[in-house]
């Protein structure tokens, strides 16, 4: 975990800042994930639970990548 540092990111759903910790970065790298998270933990858990009350992105438009294909 020597070269990972906590990073401040902005949630694409609610626009709030959240910390992507060094430990989380190491976990992502170990799993082979190529991108950092785009949602804060709260919005991520709401999305995974199928909660339609999850906040919209700051521009008010629905996130098109969340739609069923």
Protein backbone atom coordinates (compact mmCIF):
# COMPACT_ATOMS: atom_id res chain seq x y z
CA UNK A 1 0.00 0.00 0.00
CA UNK A 2 3.08 2.20 -0.22
CA UNK A 3 2.16 4.18 -3.32
CA UNK A 4 -1.57 4.59 -2.70
CA UNK A 5 -2.82 7.82 -1.11
CA UNK A 6 -6.31 8.83 -0.05
CA UNK A 7 -8.05 10.72 -2.86
CA UNK A 8 -11.00 13.09 -2.66
CA UNK A 9 -13.57 12.32 -5.37
CA UNK A 10 -16.97 13.79 -6.25
CA UNK A 11 -20.02 11.55 -6.51
CA UNK A 12 -21.63 11.67 -9.93
CA UNK A 13 -25.09 11.17 -8.40
CA UNK A 14 -25.31 13.56 -5.48
CA UNK A 15 -22.27 15.77 -6.11
CA UNK A 16 -20.90 15.23 -2.59
CA UNK A 17 -17.19 14.75 -1.95
CA UNK A 18 -16.02 11.38 -0.66
CA UNK A 19 -12.67 9.79 0.14
CA UNK A 20 -11.34 6.91 -1.93
CA UNK A 21 -8.94 5.52 0.66
CA UNK A 22 -5.56 3.99 0.01
CA UNK A 23 -6.93 0.65 1.23
CA UNK A 24 -9.84 0.83 -1.21
CA UNK A 25 -7.44 1.67 -4.03
CA UNK A 26 -5.35 -1.37 -3.21
CA UNK A 27 -8.51 -3.54 -3.13
CA UNK A 28 -9.58 -2.19 -6.55
CA UNK A 29 -6.11 -2.91 -7.97
CA UNK A 30 -6.09 -6.45 -6.51
CA UNK A 31 -9.49 -7.13 -8.12
CA UNK A 32 -8.30 -5.76 -11.47
CA UNK A 33 -10.72 -2.82 -11.49
CA UNK A 34 -9.43 -0.22 -13.93
CA UNK A 35 -11.43 2.83 -12.82
CA UNK A 36 -11.94 4.59 -9.52
CA UNK A 37 -15.48 4.69 -8.11
CA UNK A 38 -17.82 7.35 -9.45
CA UNK A 39 -20.44 7.18 -6.68
CA UNK A 40 -20.09 7.80 -2.95
CA UNK A 41 -20.72 4.80 -0.67
CA UNK A 42 -24.26 5.99 0.14
CA UNK A 43 -25.32 6.37 -3.51
CA UNK A 44 -23.54 3.13 -4.43
CA UNK A 45 -25.42 1.15 -1.79
CA UNK A 46 -28.74 2.76 -2.77
CA UNK A 47 -28.13 1.93 -6.42
CA UNK A 48 -27.22 -1.67 -5.61
CA UNK A 49 -30.38 -1.97 -3.50
CA UNK A 50 -32.49 -0.62 -6.38
CA UNK A 51 -33.59 2.43 -4.39
CA UNK A 52 -35.27 4.82 -6.81
CA UNK A 53 -34.94 7.62 -4.25
CA UNK A 54 -31.21 7.87 -4.93
CA UNK A 55 -30.31 11.46 -5.75
CA UNK A 56 -30.02 12.55 -9.36
CA UNK A 57 -26.81 13.95 -10.80
CA UNK A 58 -26.34 17.68 -10.16
CA UNK A 59 -27.60 18.57 -13.65
CA UNK A 60 -30.93 16.88 -12.83
CA UNK A 61 -30.85 14.45 -15.72
CA UNK A 62 -31.11 10.72 -15.11
CA UNK A 63 -27.93 8.74 -15.51
CA UNK A 64 -28.41 6.97 -18.86
CA UNK A 65 -25.92 4.22 -18.00
CA UNK A 66 -28.23 3.07 -15.17
CA UNK A 67 -31.06 2.14 -17.55
CA UNK A 68 -31.78 -1.48 -18.41
CA UNK A 69 -30.67 -2.51 -21.86
